[in-house]
Amino acid sequence: TYRPFLVRYRSGFVADWNEFTQHCGRFPKNIM
């Protein structure tokens, strides 16, 4: 499986997270 490890940050990006106590992901889910 391919996973995201390298992301370009853009000013104004609003992070949206998986609200899990474990295995929530390293990045906000909306980088997808």
PDB file of all heavy atoms in Angstrom:
ATOM      1  N   THR A   1       0.842  -1.201   0.000  1.00  0.00           N
ATOM      2  CA  THR A   1       0.000   0.000   0.000  1.00  0.00           C
ATOM      3  C   THR A   1       0.874   1.246   0.000  1.00  0.00           C
ATOM      4  O   THR A   1       1.895   1.301   0.680  1.00  0.00           O
ATOM      5  CB  THR A   1      -0.896   0.020   1.262  1.00  0.00           C
ATOM      6  OG1 THR A   1      -1.679  -1.167   1.300  1.00  0.00           O
ATOM      7  CG2 THR A   1      -1.809   1.242   1.259  1.00  0.00           C
ATOM      8  N   TYR A   2       0.456   2.244  -0.763  1.00  0.00           N
ATOM      9  CA  TYR A   2       1.154   3.531  -0.768  1.00  0.00           C
ATOM     10  C   TYR A   2       0.534   4.434   0.298  1.00  0.00           C
ATOM     11  O   TYR A   2      -0.696   4.528   0.402  1.00  0.00           O
ATOM     12  CB  TYR A   2       1.044   4.204  -2.134  1.00  0.00           C
ATOM     13  CG  TYR A   2       1.937   3.599  -3.190  1.00  0.00           C
ATOM     14  CD1 TYR A   2       1.554   2.471  -3.895  1.00  0.00           C
ATOM     15  CD2 TYR A   2       3.182   4.177  -3.478  1.00  0.00           C
ATOM     16  CE1 TYR A   2       2.370   1.921  -4.873  1.00  0.00           C
ATOM     17  CE2 TYR A   2       4.008   3.636  -4.457  1.00  0.00           C
ATOM     18  CZ  TYR A   2       3.597   2.506  -5.144  1.00  0.00           C
ATOM     19  OH  TYR A   2       4.408   1.966  -6.102  1.00  0.00           O
ATOM     20  N   ARG A   3       1.393   5.120   1.056  1.00  0.00           N
ATOM     21  CA  ARG A   3       0.938   6.002   2.133  1.00  0.00           C
ATOM     22  C   ARG A   3       1.614   7.368   2.007  1.00  0.00           C
ATOM     23  O   ARG A   3       2.745   7.462   1.524  1.00  0.00           O
ATOM     24  CB  ARG A   3       1.268   5.394   3.499  1.00  0.00           C
ATOM     25  CG  ARG A   3       0.553   4.086   3.800  1.00  0.00           C
ATOM     26  CD  ARG A   3       1.020   3.507   5.133  1.00  0.00           C
ATOM     27  NE  ARG A   3       0.227   2.362   5.539  1.00  0.00           N
ATOM     28  CZ  ARG A   3       0.438   1.114   5.154  1.00  0.00           C
ATOM     29  NH1 ARG A   3       1.460   0.857   4.332  1.00  0.00           N
ATOM     30  NH2 ARG A   3      -0.328   0.126   5.550  1.00  0.00           N
ATOM     31  N   PRO A   4       0.943   8.416   2.492  1.00  0.00           N
ATOM     32  CA  PRO A   4       1.531   9.761   2.391  1.00  0.00           C
ATOM     33  C   PRO A   4       2.557  10.020   3.490  1.00  0.00           C
ATOM     34  O   PRO A   4       2.272   9.822   4.666  1.00  0.00           O
ATOM     35  CB  PRO A   4       0.309  10.681   2.550  1.00  0.00           C
ATOM     36  CG  PRO A   4      -0.634   9.903   3.414  1.00  0.00           C
ATOM     37  CD  PRO A   4      -0.428   8.451   3.060  1.00  0.00           C
ATOM     38  N   PHE A   5       3.740  10.462   3.082  1.00  0.00           N
ATOM     39  CA  PHE A   5       4.764  10.861   4.039  1.00  0.00           C
ATOM     40  C   PHE A   5       5.336  12.248   3.732  1.00  0.00           C
ATOM     41  O   PHE A   5       6.039  12.818   4.555  1.00  0.00           O
ATOM     42  CB  PHE A   5       5.913   9.844   4.051  1.00  0.00           C
ATOM     43  CG  PHE A   5       5.525   8.500   4.591  1.00  0.00           C
ATOM     44  CD1 PHE A   5       5.169   7.465   3.739  1.00  0.00           C
ATOM     45  CD2 PHE A   5       5.501   8.262   5.959  1.00  0.00           C
ATOM     46  CE1 PHE A   5       4.792   6.217   4.223  1.00  0.00           C
ATOM     47  CE2 PHE A   5       5.127   7.018   6.463  1.00  0.00           C
ATOM     48  CZ  PHE A   5       4.773   5.986   5.595  1.00  0.00           C
ATOM     49  N   LEU A   6       5.047  12.778   2.546  1.00  0.00           N
ATOM     50  CA  LEU A   6       5.629  14.045   2.106  1.00  0.00           C
ATOM     51  C   LEU A   6       4.506  14.928   1.558  1.00  0.00           C
ATOM     52  O   LEU A   6       3.848  14.561   0.583  1.00  0.00           O
ATOM     53  CB  LEU A   6       6.683  13.785   1.036  1.00  0.00           C
ATOM     54  CG  LEU A   6       7.452  14.972   0.453  1.00  0.00           C
ATOM     55  CD1 LEU A   6       8.213  15.739   1.529  1.00  0.00           C
ATOM     56  CD2 LEU A   6       8.415  14.500  -0.637  1.00  0.00           C
ATOM     57  N   VAL A   7       4.294  16.097   2.194  1.00  0.00           N
ATOM     58  CA  VAL A   7       3.162  16.955   1.856  1.00  0.00           C
ATOM     59  C   VAL A   7       3.636  18.398   1.675  1.00  0.00           C
ATOM     60  O   VAL A   7       4.417  18.918   2.482  1.00  0.00           O
ATOM     61  CB  VAL A   7       2.087  16.910   2.964  1.00  0.00           C
ATOM     62  CG1 VAL A   7       1.015  17.971   2.754  1.00  0.00           C
ATOM     63  CG2 VAL A   7       1.450  15.528   3.025  1.00  0.00           C
ATOM     64  N   ARG A   8       3.146  19.029   0.610  1.00  0.00           N
ATOM     65  CA  ARG A   8       3.385  20.463   0.418  1.00  0.00           C
ATOM     66  C   ARG A   8       2.395  21.226   1.306  1.00  0.00           C
ATOM     67  O   ARG A   8       1.179  20.983   1.256  1.00  0.00           O
ATOM     68  CB  ARG A   8       3.156  20.849  -1.045  1.00  0.00           C
ATOM     69  CG  ARG A   8       3.564  22.286  -1.368  1.00  0.00           C
ATOM     70  CD  ARG A   8       2.890  22.803  -2.643  1.00  0.00           C
ATOM     71  NE  ARG A   8       3.035  21.921  -3.787  1.00  0.00           N
ATOM     72  CZ  ARG A   8       4.057  21.966  -4.654  1.00  0.00           C
ATOM     73  NH1 ARG A   8       5.007  22.876  -4.509  1.00  0.00           N
ATOM     74  NH2 ARG A   8       4.111  21.123  -5.679  1.00  0.00           N
ATOM     75  N   TYR A   9       2.900  22.149   2.103  1.00  0.00           N
ATOM     76  CA  TYR A   9       1.991  22.945   2.942  1.00  0.00           C
ATOM     77  C   TYR A   9       1.618  24.223   2.221  1.00  0.00           C
ATOM     78  O   TYR A   9       2.475  24.944   1.722  1.00  0.00           O
ATOM     79  CB  TYR A   9       2.624  23.301   4.287  1.00  0.00           C
ATOM     80  CG  TYR A   9       1.696  24.169   5.113  1.00  0.00           C
ATOM     81  CD1 TYR A   9       0.535  23.626   5.664  1.00  0.00           C
ATOM     82  CD2 TYR A   9       1.948  25.525   5.291  1.00  0.00           C
ATOM     83  CE1 TYR A   9      -0.338  24.413   6.378  1.00  0.00           C
ATOM     84  CE2 TYR A   9       1.068  26.316   6.011  1.00  0.00           C
ATOM     85  CZ  TYR A   9      -0.076  25.758   6.552  1.00  0.00           C
ATOM     86  OH  TYR A   9      -0.952  26.546   7.250  1.00  0.00           O
ATOM     87  N   ARG A  10       0.325  24.489   2.187  1.00  0.00           N
ATOM     88  CA  ARG A  10      -0.181  25.710   1.575  1.00  0.00           C
ATOM     89  C   ARG A  10      -0.865  26.553   2.646  1.00  0.00           C
ATOM     90  O   ARG A  10      -1.704  26.046   3.409  1.00  0.00           O
ATOM     91  CB  ARG A  10      -1.166  25.395   0.453  1.00  0.00           C
ATOM     92  CG  ARG A  10      -0.528  24.661  -0.716  1.00  0.00           C
ATOM     93  CD  ARG A  10      -1.456  24.681  -1.921  1.00  0.00           C
ATOM     94  NE  ARG A  10      -0.928  23.909  -3.039  1.00  0.00           N
ATOM     95  CZ  ARG A  10      -0.018  24.342  -3.882  1.00  0.00           C
ATOM     96  NH1 ARG A  10       0.504  25.542  -3.711  1.00  0.00           N
ATOM     97  NH2 ARG A  10       0.395  23.591  -4.893  1.00  0.00           N
ATOM     98  N   SER A  11      -0.523  27.827   2.683  1.00  0.00           N
ATOM     99  CA  SER A  11      -1.128  28.734   3.640  1.00  0.00           C
ATOM    100  C   SER A  11      -2.646  28.724   3.470  1.00  0.00           C
ATOM    101  O   SER A  11      -3.157  28.766   2.353  1.00  0.00           O
ATOM    102  CB  SER A  11      -0.585  30.151   3.427  1.00  0.00           C
ATOM    103  OG  SER A  11      -1.194  31.065   4.309  1.00  0.00           O
ATOM    104  N   GLY A  12      -3.357  28.647   4.573  1.00  0.00           N
ATOM    105  CA  GLY A  12      -4.814  28.631   4.518  1.00  0.00           C
ATOM    106  C   GLY A  12      -5.416  27.240   4.560  1.00  0.00           C
ATOM    107  O   GLY A  12      -6.639  27.098   4.685  1.00  0.00           O
ATOM    108  N   PHE A  13      -4.578  26.201   4.463  1.00  0.00           N
ATOM    109  CA  PHE A  13      -5.088  24.833   4.554  1.00  0.00           C
ATOM    110  C   PHE A  13      -5.669  24.594   5.949  1.00  0.00           C
ATOM    111  O   PHE A  13      -5.013  24.847   6.962  1.00  0.00           O
ATOM    112  CB  PHE A  13      -3.972  23.831   4.267  1.00  0.00           C
ATOM    113  CG  PHE A  13      -4.389  22.387   4.398  1.00  0.00           C
ATOM    114  CD1 PHE A  13      -5.032  21.755   3.353  1.00  0.00           C
ATOM    115  CD2 PHE A  13      -4.131  21.674   5.556  1.00  0.00           C
ATOM    116  CE1 PHE A  13      -5.418  20.418   3.463  1.00  0.00           C
ATOM    117  CE2 PHE A  13      -4.506  20.347   5.673  1.00  0.00           C
ATOM    118  CZ  PHE A  13      -5.154  19.721   4.621  1.00  0.00           C
ATOM    119  N   VAL A  14      -6.911  24.136   6.013  1.00  0.00           N
ATOM    120  CA  VAL A  14      -7.590  23.881   7.289  1.00  0.00           C
ATOM    121  C   VAL A  14      -7.574  22.382   7.558  1.00  0.00           C
ATOM    122  O   VAL A  14      -8.172  21.601   6.815  1.00  0.00           O
ATOM    123  CB  VAL A  14      -9.038  24.405   7.268  1.00  0.00           C
ATOM    124  CG1 VAL A  14      -9.736  24.107   8.596  1.00  0.00           C
ATOM    125  CG2 VAL A  14      -9.061  25.908   6.975  1.00  0.00           C
ATOM    126  N   ALA A  15      -6.881  21.982   8.620  1.00  0.00           N
ATOM    127  CA  ALA A  15      -6.696  20.559   8.912  1.00  0.00           C
ATOM    128  C   ALA A  15      -7.972  19.939   9.472  1.00  0.00           C
ATOM    129  O   ALA A  15      -8.639  20.518  10.336  1.00  0.00           O
ATOM    130  CB  ALA A  15      -5.554  20.383   9.903  1.00  0.00           C
ATOM    131  N   ASP A  16      -8.289  18.750   8.978  1.00  0.00           N
ATOM    132  CA  ASP A  16      -9.438  17.979   9.453  1.00  0.00           C
ATOM    133  C   ASP A  16      -8.917  16.588   9.807  1.00  0.00           C
ATOM    134  O   ASP A  16      -8.350  15.892   8.954  1.00  0.00           O
ATOM    135  CB  ASP A  16     -10.507  17.909   8.361  1.00  0.00           C
ATOM    136  CG  ASP A  16     -11.778  17.203   8.821  1.00  0.00           C
ATOM    137  OD1 ASP A  16     -11.966  17.068  10.046  1.00  0.00           O
ATOM    138  OD2 ASP A  16     -12.574  16.789   7.960  1.00  0.00           O
ATOM    139  N   TRP A  17      -9.120  16.157  11.061  1.00  0.00           N
ATOM    140  CA  TRP A  17      -8.456  14.960  11.563  1.00  0.00           C
ATOM    141  C   TRP A  17      -9.433  13.804  11.784  1.00  0.00           C
ATOM    142  O   TRP A  17     -10.619  14.010  12.051  1.00  0.00           O
ATOM    143  CB  TRP A  17      -7.763  15.263  12.891  1.00  0.00           C
ATOM    144  CG  TRP A  17      -6.589  16.178  12.749  1.00  0.00           C
ATOM    145  CD1 TRP A  17      -6.609  17.537  12.755  1.00  0.00           C
ATOM    146  CD2 TRP A  17      -5.232  15.795  12.550  1.00  0.00           C
ATOM    147  NE1 TRP A  17      -5.333  18.037  12.564  1.00  0.00           N
ATOM    148  CE2 TRP A  17      -4.470  16.983  12.442  1.00  0.00           C
ATOM    149  CE3 TRP A  17      -4.571  14.572  12.453  1.00  0.00           C
ATOM    150  CZ2 TRP A  17      -3.090  16.973  12.246  1.00  0.00           C
ATOM    151  CZ3 TRP A  17      -3.196  14.556  12.254  1.00  0.00           C
ATOM    152  CH2 TRP A  17      -2.475  15.750  12.158  1.00  0.00           C
ATOM    153  N   ASN A  18      -8.901  12.599  11.696  1.00  0.00           N
ATOM    154  CA  ASN A  18      -9.610  11.433  12.212  1.00  0.00           C
ATOM    155  C   ASN A  18      -9.497  11.465  13.730  1.00  0.00           C
ATOM    156  O   ASN A  18      -8.392  11.377  14.274  1.00  0.00           O
ATOM    157  CB  ASN A  18      -8.984  10.136  11.681  1.00  0.00           C
ATOM    158  CG  ASN A  18      -9.319   9.876  10.235  1.00  0.00           C
ATOM    159  OD1 ASN A  18     -10.465   9.982   9.833  1.00  0.00           O
ATOM    160  ND2 ASN A  18      -8.308   9.524   9.443  1.00  0.00           N
ATOM    161  N   GLU A  19     -10.603  11.582  14.420  1.00  0.00           N
ATOM    162  CA  GLU A  19     -10.577  11.741  15.876  1.00  0.00           C
ATOM    163  C   GLU A  19     -10.497  10.376  16.555  1.00  0.00           C
ATOM    164  O   GLU A  19     -11.402   9.960  17.275  1.00  0.00           O
ATOM    165  CB  GLU A  19     -11.810  12.527  16.335  1.00  0.00           C
ATOM    166  CG  GLU A  19     -11.901  13.944  15.793  1.00  0.00           C
ATOM    167  CD  GLU A  19     -10.840  14.877  16.402  1.00  0.00           C
ATOM    168  OE1 GLU A  19     -10.323  14.567  17.499  1.00  0.00           O
ATOM    169  OE2 GLU A  19     -10.545  15.915  15.776  1.00  0.00           O
ATOM    170  N   PHE A  20      -9.364   9.687  16.332  1.00  0.00           N
ATOM    171  CA  PHE A  20      -9.147   8.375  16.933  1.00  0.00           C
ATOM    172  C   PHE A  20      -8.023   8.477  17.964  1.00  0.00           C
ATOM    173  O   PHE A  20      -7.009   9.155  17.726  1.00  0.00           O
ATOM    174  CB  PHE A  20      -8.751   7.336  15.877  1.00  0.00           C
ATOM    175  CG  PHE A  20      -9.753   7.161  14.768  1.00  0.00           C
ATOM    176  CD1 PHE A  20      -9.329   6.797  13.489  1.00  0.00           C
ATOM    177  CD2 PHE A  20     -11.098   7.340  14.992  1.00  0.00           C
ATOM    178  CE1 PHE A  20     -10.246   6.621  12.460  1.00  0.00           C
ATOM    179  CE2 PHE A  20     -12.023   7.174  13.976  1.00  0.00           C
ATOM    180  CZ  PHE A  20     -11.596   6.814  12.706  1.00  0.00           C
ATOM    181  N   THR A  21      -8.166   7.782  19.070  1.00  0.00           N
ATOM    182  CA  THR A  21      -7.102   7.818  20.084  1.00  0.00           C
ATOM    183  C   THR A  21      -5.878   7.018  19.649  1.00  0.00           C
ATOM    184  O   THR A  21      -4.773   7.263  20.132  1.00  0.00           O
ATOM    185  CB  THR A  21      -7.611   7.273  21.430  1.00  0.00           C
ATOM    186  OG1 THR A  21      -8.097   5.944  21.236  1.00  0.00           O
ATOM    187  CG2 THR A  21      -8.720   8.160  21.978  1.00  0.00           C
ATOM    188  N   GLN A  22      -6.079   6.066  18.723  1.00  0.00           N
ATOM    189  CA  GLN A  22      -4.973   5.301  18.148  1.00  0.00           C
ATOM    190  C   GLN A  22      -5.169   5.193  16.638  1.00  0.00           C
ATOM    191  O   GLN A  22      -6.297   5.151  16.150  1.00  0.00           O
ATOM    192  CB  GLN A  22      -4.881   3.903  18.761  1.00  0.00           C
ATOM    193  CG  GLN A  22      -4.510   3.892  20.229  1.00  0.00           C
ATOM    194  CD  GLN A  22      -3.087   4.373  20.464  1.00  0.00           C
ATOM    195  OE1 GLN A  22      -2.124   3.771  19.993  1.00  0.00           O
ATOM    196  NE2 GLN A  22      -2.950   5.463  21.198  1.00  0.00           N
ATOM    197  N   HIS A  23      -4.049   5.146  15.905  1.00  0.00           N
ATOM    198  CA  HIS A  23      -4.076   4.976  14.449  1.00  0.00           C
ATOM    199  C   HIS A  23      -4.912   6.069  13.757  1.00  0.00           C
ATOM    200  O   HIS A  23      -5.711   5.786  12.869  1.00  0.00           O
ATOM    201  CB  HIS A  23      -4.603   3.586  14.070  1.00  0.00           C
ATOM    202  CG  HIS A  23      -3.866   2.451  14.716  1.00  0.00           C
ATOM    203  ND1 HIS A  23      -2.530   2.214  14.494  1.00  0.00           N
ATOM    204  CD2 HIS A  23      -4.281   1.500  15.605  1.00  0.00           C
ATOM    205  CE1 HIS A  23      -2.155   1.151  15.197  1.00  0.00           C
ATOM    206  NE2 HIS A  23      -3.197   0.719  15.884  1.00  0.00           N
ATOM    207  N   CYS A  24      -4.692   7.301  14.154  1.00  0.00           N
ATOM    208  CA  CYS A  24      -5.464   8.416  13.583  1.00  0.00           C
ATOM    209  C   CYS A  24      -4.849   8.936  12.287  1.00  0.00           C
ATOM    210  O   CYS A  24      -5.488   9.704  11.564  1.00  0.00           O
ATOM    211  CB  CYS A  24      -5.545   9.565  14.592  1.00  0.00           C
ATOM    212  SG  CYS A  24      -3.933  10.284  15.002  1.00  0.00           S
ATOM    213  N   GLY A  25      -3.617   8.527  11.998  1.00  0.00           N
ATOM    214  CA  GLY A  25      -2.908   9.046  10.824  1.00  0.00           C
ATOM    215  C   GLY A  25      -1.947  10.154  11.213  1.00  0.00           C
ATOM    216  O   GLY A  25      -2.196  10.917  12.147  1.00  0.00           O
ATOM    217  N   ARG A  26      -0.854  10.269  10.480  1.00  0.00           N
ATOM    218  CA  ARG A  26       0.152  11.284  10.794  1.00  0.00           C
ATOM    219  C   ARG A  26      -0.265  12.660  10.327  1.00  0.00           C
ATOM    220  O   ARG A  26       0.150  13.669  10.895  1.00  0.00           O
ATOM    221  CB  ARG A  26       1.484  10.924  10.127  1.00  0.00           C
ATOM    222  CG  ARG A  26       1.972   9.557  10.463  1.00  0.00           C
ATOM    223  CD  ARG A  26       3.319   9.302   9.820  1.00  0.00           C
ATOM    224  NE  ARG A  26       3.661   7.892   9.948  1.00  0.00           N
ATOM    225  CZ  ARG A  26       4.881   7.425   9.886  1.00  0.00           C
ATOM    226  NH1 ARG A  26       5.886   8.254   9.680  1.00  0.00           N
ATOM    227  NH2 ARG A  26       5.114   6.145  10.015  1.00  0.00           N
ATOM    228  N   PHE A  27      -1.009  12.679   9.223  1.00  0.00           N
ATOM    229  CA  PHE A  27      -1.439  13.934   8.624  1.00  0.00           C
ATOM    230  C   PHE A  27      -2.943  14.102   8.794  1.00  0.00           C
ATOM    231  O   PHE A  27      -3.669  13.122   9.003  1.00  0.00           O
ATOM    232  CB  PHE A  27      -1.108  13.944   7.130  1.00  0.00           C
ATOM    233  CG  PHE A  27       0.346  14.109   6.793  1.00  0.00           C
ATOM    234  CD1 PHE A  27       1.049  13.070   6.206  1.00  0.00           C
ATOM    235  CD2 PHE A  27       1.011  15.309   7.045  1.00  0.00           C
ATOM    236  CE1 PHE A  27       2.385  13.213   5.864  1.00  0.00           C
ATOM    237  CE2 PHE A  27       2.351  15.460   6.701  1.00  0.00           C
ATOM    238  CZ  PHE A  27       3.038  14.422   6.119  1.00  0.00           C
ATOM    239  N   PRO A  28      -3.443  15.338   8.649  1.00  0.00           N
ATOM    240  CA  PRO A  28      -4.894  15.531   8.593  1.00  0.00           C
ATOM    241  C   PRO A  28      -5.493  14.675   7.484  1.00  0.00           C
ATOM    242  O   PRO A  28      -4.889  14.490   6.433  1.00  0.00           O
ATOM    243  CB  PRO A  28      -5.035  17.031   8.279  1.00  0.00           C
ATOM    244  CG  PRO A  28      -3.758  17.649   8.756  1.00  0.00           C
ATOM    245  CD  PRO A  28      -2.703  16.606   8.530  1.00  0.00           C
ATOM    246  N   LYS A  29      -6.685  14.178   7.706  1.00  0.00           N
ATOM    247  CA  LYS A  29      -7.287  13.262   6.731  1.00  0.00           C
ATOM    248  C   LYS A  29      -7.610  13.938   5.401  1.00  0.00           C
ATOM    249  O   LYS A  29      -7.665  13.276   4.362  1.00  0.00           O
ATOM    250  CB  LYS A  29      -8.544  12.617   7.305  1.00  0.00           C
ATOM    251  CG  LYS A  29      -9.691  13.570   7.583  1.00  0.00           C
ATOM    252  CD  LYS A  29     -10.893  12.831   8.184  1.00  0.00           C
ATOM    253  CE  LYS A  29     -12.057  13.755   8.458  1.00  0.00           C
ATOM    254  NZ  LYS A  29     -13.209  13.036   9.072  1.00  0.00           N
ATOM    255  N   ASN A  30      -7.779  15.278   5.410  1.00  0.00           N
ATOM    256  CA  ASN A  30      -8.175  15.944   4.162  1.00  0.00           C
ATOM    257  C   ASN A  30      -6.998  16.225   3.230  1.00  0.00           C
ATOM    258  O   ASN A  30      -7.197  16.814   2.169  1.00  0.00           O
ATOM    259  CB  ASN A  30      -8.970  17.216   4.427  1.00  0.00           C
ATOM    260  CG  ASN A  30      -8.314  18.191   5.372  1.00  0.00           C
ATOM    261  OD1 ASN A  30      -7.600  17.793   6.290  1.00  0.00           O
ATOM    262  ND2 ASN A  30      -8.570  19.470   5.173  1.00  0.00           N
ATOM    263  N   ILE A  31      -5.788  15.778   3.582  1.00  0.00           N
ATOM    264  CA  ILE A  31      -4.721  15.840   2.565  1.00  0.00           C
ATOM    265  C   ILE A  31      -5.038  14.880   1.421  1.00  0.00           C
ATOM    266  O   ILE A  31      -4.484  14.998   0.324  1.00  0.00           O
ATOM    267  CB  ILE A  31      -3.327  15.520   3.133  1.00  0.00           C
ATOM    268  CG1 ILE A  31      -3.235  14.067   3.575  1.00  0.00           C
ATOM    269  CG2 ILE A  31      -2.935  16.474   4.254  1.00  0.00           C
ATOM    270  CD1 ILE A  31      -1.835  13.547   3.656  1.00  0.00           C
ATOM    271  N   MET A  32      -5.965  13.929   1.670  1.00  0.00           N
ATOM    272  CA  MET A  32      -6.362  12.981   0.619  1.00  0.00           C
ATOM    273  C   MET A  32      -7.038  13.699  -0.545  1.00  0.00           C
ATOM    274  O   MET A  32      -7.137  13.143  -1.646  1.00  0.00           O
ATOM    275  CB  MET A  32      -7.325  11.943   1.198  1.00  0.00           C
ATOM    276  CG  MET A  32      -6.802  11.202   2.409  1.00  0.00           C
ATOM    277  SD  MET A  32      -5.490  10.038   2.019  1.00  0.00           S
ATOM    278  CE  MET A  32      -6.410   8.773   1.177  1.00  0.00           C
TER     279      MET A  32
END
